[in-house]
Every structure is written in structure tokens, then in C-alpha cells.
């Protein structure tokens, strides 16, 4: 590789990757359970937590 290609790769590594990571982190939303105060950034975990509350309050059937 020549010096220009290495310079471009260095600029991408130093500037673009950290900016992309900050943008990805900024899009995360905190989910808060109104019933118990549980908090998570994971959407799948929040859905499981909602199912937990739904199952906990469901009537028991035999």
C-alpha cells in the first residue's frame, strides 16, 4: 500500500469509527417499567419483562 491509502485508512479509523459508535449509542432508548422500576436498554429484555408481568398477573388455570 502506498502512503495515501494508509493515511485514508488512518483517518477512517481515528474519526469515522468513533463518530459512528457515538451515533449508535445516542439512538439507544432507556425503557422503564412503570410497575416495578426495572430499566433496560435492550428491547428484547423489555418485551420479556412485560411478558413476566403479564404472566404474573394472569389467572391460574388447571
Protein backbone atom coordinates (compact mmCIF):
# COMPACT_ATOMS: atom_id res chain seq x y z
CA UNK A 1 0.00 0.00 0.00
CA UNK A 2 1.14 3.47 -0.63
CA UNK A 3 1.24 6.33 1.85
CA UNK A 4 -2.04 7.91 0.69
CA UNK A 5 -4.02 4.70 1.23
CA UNK A 6 -2.56 4.27 4.71
CA UNK A 7 -3.41 7.89 5.51
CA UNK A 8 -7.02 7.40 4.40
CA UNK A 9 -7.32 4.21 6.49
CA UNK A 10 -5.84 6.04 9.47
CA UNK A 11 -8.33 8.91 9.11
CA UNK A 12 -11.22 6.44 8.91
CA UNK A 13 -10.02 4.58 11.98
CA UNK A 14 -9.48 7.72 14.04
CA UNK A 15 -12.50 9.80 13.02
CA UNK A 16 -15.27 7.81 11.36
CA UNK A 17 -15.41 4.75 13.61
CA UNK A 18 -15.71 6.67 16.92
CA UNK A 19 -18.31 9.03 15.40
CA UNK A 20 -20.31 6.03 14.16
CA UNK A 21 -20.14 4.45 17.61
CA UNK A 22 -21.37 7.65 19.29
CA UNK A 23 -24.30 7.90 16.87
CA UNK A 24 -25.22 4.26 17.52
CA UNK A 25 -25.13 4.81 21.29
CA UNK A 26 -27.19 8.01 21.03
CA UNK A 27 -30.04 6.11 19.37
CA UNK A 28 -30.46 3.74 22.32
CA UNK A 29 -33.54 4.38 24.42
CA UNK A 30 -33.91 3.57 28.10
CA UNK A 31 -37.04 1.56 28.84
CA UNK A 32 -38.54 1.95 32.32
CA UNK A 33 -41.18 -0.39 33.79
CA UNK A 34 -43.91 1.67 35.46
CA UNK A 35 -44.89 -1.23 37.76
CA UNK A 36 -41.58 -2.11 39.40
CA UNK A 37 -38.95 0.37 38.21
CA UNK A 38 -36.94 -2.11 36.12
CA UNK A 39 -34.78 -0.35 33.49
CA UNK A 40 -33.02 -1.67 30.39
CA UNK A 41 -31.68 -0.55 27.02
CA UNK A 42 -32.40 -3.94 25.43
CA UNK A 43 -35.69 -4.14 23.53
CA UNK A 44 -35.88 -7.94 23.77
CA UNK A 45 -35.31 -7.78 27.52
CA UNK A 46 -38.09 -5.21 27.89
CA UNK A 47 -40.50 -7.46 25.97
CA UNK A 48 -39.59 -10.38 28.23
CA UNK A 49 -40.13 -8.22 31.27
CA UNK A 50 -43.57 -7.21 30.02
CA UNK A 51 -44.39 -10.90 29.48
CA UNK A 52 -43.20 -11.64 33.02
CA UNK A 53 -45.66 -9.10 34.45
CA UNK A 54 -48.45 -10.41 32.20
CA UNK A 55 -47.83 -14.00 33.36
CA UNK A 56 -47.55 -12.95 36.99
CA UNK A 57 -50.98 -11.29 36.89
CA UNK A 58 -52.71 -13.91 34.73
CA UNK A 59 -55.30 -16.12 36.39
CA UNK A 60 -54.11 -19.64 37.18
CA UNK A 61 -55.80 -22.33 35.10
CA UNK A 62 -55.68 -26.10 35.52
